[in-house]
Amino acid sequence: MPDATQLRDSTQIVLHRETVEGLEPPLDEAFTVSIVAEGEDRRRIIGSPVEIKAASESLARRGICVR
């Protein structure tokens, strides 16, 4: 059975609010993801593992580090 941490890491990305708000086109328009606030300065991007992988690759091509 998969570890919960491993599943969570494959279905979400957490970034600073400024990073998410500055993206063109917005991630939630380019991919099937939801963006929710996590505190005042962070945003959680949630989606299927396939969408999160695609969004991560897109962010990496833009020079945004995603762990």
N, C-alpha and C. Protein backbone atom coordinates (compact mmCIF):
# COMPACT_ATOMS: atom_id res chain seq x y z
N MET A 1 0.85 -1.18 0.00
CA MET A 1 0.00 0.00 0.00
C MET A 1 0.90 1.24 0.00
N PRO A 2 0.57 2.26 -0.83
CA PRO A 2 1.39 3.47 -0.91
C PRO A 2 1.37 4.28 0.39
N ASP A 3 2.46 4.95 0.61
CA ASP A 3 2.59 5.85 1.76
C ASP A 3 1.79 7.13 1.49
N ALA A 4 1.07 7.63 2.48
CA ALA A 4 0.25 8.83 2.32
C ALA A 4 1.07 10.04 1.88
N THR A 5 2.28 10.17 2.38
CA THR A 5 3.15 11.28 1.99
C THR A 5 3.48 11.22 0.51
N GLN A 6 3.75 10.03 0.02
CA GLN A 6 4.06 9.85 -1.39
C GLN A 6 2.87 10.23 -2.26
N LEU A 7 1.67 9.83 -1.87
CA LEU A 7 0.47 10.18 -2.62
C LEU A 7 0.23 11.69 -2.60
N ARG A 8 0.40 12.30 -1.44
CA ARG A 8 0.20 13.74 -1.31
C ARG A 8 1.19 14.50 -2.20
N ASP A 9 2.43 14.08 -2.22
CA ASP A 9 3.45 14.75 -3.03
C ASP A 9 3.15 14.64 -4.52
N SER A 10 2.45 13.60 -4.94
CA SER A 10 2.16 13.44 -6.36
C SER A 10 0.86 14.13 -6.77
N THR A 11 0.15 14.72 -5.81
CA THR A 11 -1.13 15.37 -6.13
C THR A 11 -1.19 16.83 -5.72
N GLN A 12 -0.06 17.40 -5.30
CA GLN A 12 -0.08 18.82 -4.91
C GLN A 12 1.29 19.46 -5.05
N ILE A 13 1.26 20.77 -5.20
CA ILE A 13 2.46 21.61 -5.22
C ILE A 13 2.15 22.79 -4.31
N VAL A 14 3.09 23.18 -3.48
CA VAL A 14 2.91 24.36 -2.63
C VAL A 14 3.94 25.40 -3.05
N LEU A 15 3.45 26.61 -3.38
CA LEU A 15 4.32 27.70 -3.82
C LEU A 15 3.95 28.98 -3.09
N HIS A 16 4.85 29.95 -3.15
CA HIS A 16 4.56 31.27 -2.60
C HIS A 16 3.44 31.93 -3.41
N ARG A 17 2.62 32.69 -2.76
CA ARG A 17 1.49 33.36 -3.38
C ARG A 17 1.92 34.18 -4.59
N GLU A 18 3.02 34.94 -4.45
CA GLU A 18 3.48 35.80 -5.53
C GLU A 18 3.86 35.01 -6.78
N THR A 19 4.44 33.84 -6.58
CA THR A 19 4.83 33.00 -7.71
C THR A 19 3.61 32.54 -8.49
N VAL A 20 2.61 32.07 -7.77
CA VAL A 20 1.39 31.57 -8.41
C VAL A 20 0.63 32.70 -9.09
N GLU A 21 0.53 33.84 -8.44
CA GLU A 21 -0.24 34.95 -9.00
C GLU A 21 0.43 35.58 -10.20
N GLY A 22 1.74 35.41 -10.35
CA GLY A 22 2.46 36.02 -11.45
C GLY A 22 2.52 35.17 -12.72
N LEU A 23 1.93 34.00 -12.71
CA LEU A 23 2.03 33.10 -13.87
C LEU A 23 1.04 33.46 -14.96
N GLU A 24 1.51 33.43 -16.19
CA GLU A 24 0.66 33.63 -17.36
C GLU A 24 0.92 32.51 -18.34
N PRO A 25 -0.03 31.75 -18.78
CA PRO A 25 -1.40 31.76 -18.29
C PRO A 25 -1.45 31.15 -16.89
N PRO A 26 -2.49 31.49 -16.13
CA PRO A 26 -2.62 30.92 -14.79
C PRO A 26 -2.66 29.38 -14.85
N LEU A 27 -2.08 28.75 -13.85
CA LEU A 27 -2.02 27.28 -13.84
C LEU A 27 -3.39 26.64 -13.93
N ASP A 28 -4.38 27.24 -13.25
CA ASP A 28 -5.71 26.62 -13.26
C ASP A 28 -6.42 26.79 -14.60
N GLU A 29 -5.88 27.61 -15.49
CA GLU A 29 -6.41 27.69 -16.85
C GLU A 29 -5.64 26.77 -17.79
N ALA A 30 -4.37 26.55 -17.52
CA ALA A 30 -3.54 25.72 -18.39
C ALA A 30 -3.66 24.22 -18.06
N PHE A 31 -4.00 23.91 -16.80
CA PHE A 31 -4.09 22.52 -16.35
C PHE A 31 -5.35 22.34 -15.53
N THR A 32 -5.76 21.09 -15.38
CA THR A 32 -6.94 20.78 -14.57
C THR A 32 -6.50 20.65 -13.12
N VAL A 33 -6.33 21.80 -12.48
CA VAL A 33 -5.91 21.86 -11.08
C VAL A 33 -6.76 22.90 -10.34
N SER A 34 -6.74 22.80 -9.04
CA SER A 34 -7.37 23.79 -8.17
C SER A 34 -6.28 24.48 -7.38
N ILE A 35 -6.44 25.78 -7.16
CA ILE A 35 -5.48 26.53 -6.37
C ILE A 35 -6.20 27.06 -5.14
N VAL A 36 -5.70 26.70 -3.97
CA VAL A 36 -6.32 27.12 -2.72
C VAL A 36 -5.27 27.81 -1.84
N ALA A 37 -5.75 28.76 -1.06
CA ALA A 37 -4.87 29.49 -0.15
C ALA A 37 -4.45 28.57 1.00
N GLU A 38 -3.19 28.68 1.36
CA GLU A 38 -2.68 28.00 2.55
C GLU A 38 -1.98 29.07 3.37
N GLY A 39 -2.72 29.70 4.24
CA GLY A 39 -2.19 30.83 4.96
C GLY A 39 -2.19 32.06 4.07
N GLU A 40 -1.50 33.11 4.50
CA GLU A 40 -1.48 34.35 3.74
C GLU A 40 -0.49 34.34 2.59
N ASP A 41 0.60 33.58 2.74
CA ASP A 41 1.67 33.69 1.75
C ASP A 41 1.92 32.45 0.90
N ARG A 42 1.10 31.43 1.02
CA ARG A 42 1.31 30.21 0.23
C ARG A 42 0.03 29.81 -0.49
N ARG A 43 0.22 29.12 -1.61
CA ARG A 43 -0.90 28.58 -2.38
C ARG A 43 -0.62 27.11 -2.63
N ARG A 44 -1.66 26.29 -2.48
CA ARG A 44 -1.57 24.86 -2.72
C ARG A 44 -2.25 24.57 -4.06
N ILE A 45 -1.52 23.94 -4.95
CA ILE A 45 -2.04 23.56 -6.26
C ILE A 45 -2.34 22.07 -6.18
N ILE A 46 -3.60 21.72 -6.39
CA ILE A 46 -4.05 20.34 -6.19
C ILE A 46 -4.61 19.80 -7.50
N GLY A 47 -4.24 18.57 -7.83
CA GLY A 47 -4.75 17.93 -9.03
C GLY A 47 -4.36 16.46 -9.07
N SER A 48 -4.73 15.80 -10.15
CA SER A 48 -4.36 14.40 -10.32
C SER A 48 -2.85 14.30 -10.49
N PRO A 49 -2.29 13.12 -10.26
CA PRO A 49 -0.85 12.96 -10.46
C PRO A 49 -0.40 13.35 -11.86
N VAL A 50 -1.19 13.06 -12.87
CA VAL A 50 -0.84 13.40 -14.25
C VAL A 50 -0.80 14.91 -14.43
N GLU A 51 -1.81 15.62 -13.93
CA GLU A 51 -1.86 17.08 -14.06
C GLU A 51 -0.76 17.75 -13.24
N ILE A 52 -0.50 17.25 -12.03
CA ILE A 52 0.56 17.83 -11.20
C ILE A 52 1.92 17.64 -11.86
N LYS A 53 2.14 16.49 -12.46
CA LYS A 53 3.42 16.26 -13.16
C LYS A 53 3.56 17.24 -14.32
N ALA A 54 2.51 17.42 -15.10
CA ALA A 54 2.55 18.36 -16.23
C ALA A 54 2.76 19.79 -15.75
N ALA A 55 2.07 20.18 -14.68
CA ALA A 55 2.22 21.52 -14.13
C ALA A 55 3.64 21.72 -13.58
N SER A 56 4.18 20.70 -12.92
CA SER A 56 5.54 20.77 -12.39
C SER A 56 6.56 20.96 -13.52
N GLU A 57 6.38 20.22 -14.61
CA GLU A 57 7.28 20.34 -15.75
C GLU A 57 7.18 21.73 -16.37
N SER A 58 5.98 22.26 -16.45
CA SER A 58 5.79 23.60 -17.00
C SER A 58 6.46 24.64 -16.11
N LEU A 59 6.31 24.50 -14.81
CA LEU A 59 6.95 25.42 -13.87
C LEU A 59 8.47 25.33 -13.97
N ALA A 60 8.99 24.12 -14.09
CA ALA A 60 10.44 23.93 -14.21
C ALA A 60 10.98 24.59 -15.47
N ARG A 61 10.24 24.50 -16.58
CA ARG A 61 10.66 25.16 -17.81
C ARG A 61 10.70 26.68 -17.65
N ARG A 62 9.92 27.20 -16.73
CA ARG A 62 9.89 28.64 -16.45
C ARG A 62 10.92 29.04 -15.40
N GLY A 63 11.67 28.06 -14.91
CA GLY A 63 12.72 28.34 -13.93
C GLY A 63 12.22 28.36 -12.49
N ILE A 64 11.02 27.81 -12.25
CA ILE A 64 10.46 27.78 -10.90
C ILE A 64 10.76 26.41 -10.30
N CYS A 65 11.45 26.41 -9.18
CA CYS A 65 11.85 25.18 -8.51
C CYS A 65 10.65 24.55 -7.80
N VAL A 66 10.39 23.29 -8.13
CA VAL A 66 9.31 22.53 -7.50
C VAL A 66 9.94 21.29 -6.92
N ARG A 67 9.71 21.05 -5.64
CA ARG A 67 10.27 19.85 -4.99
C ARG A 67 9.30 18.73 -5.03
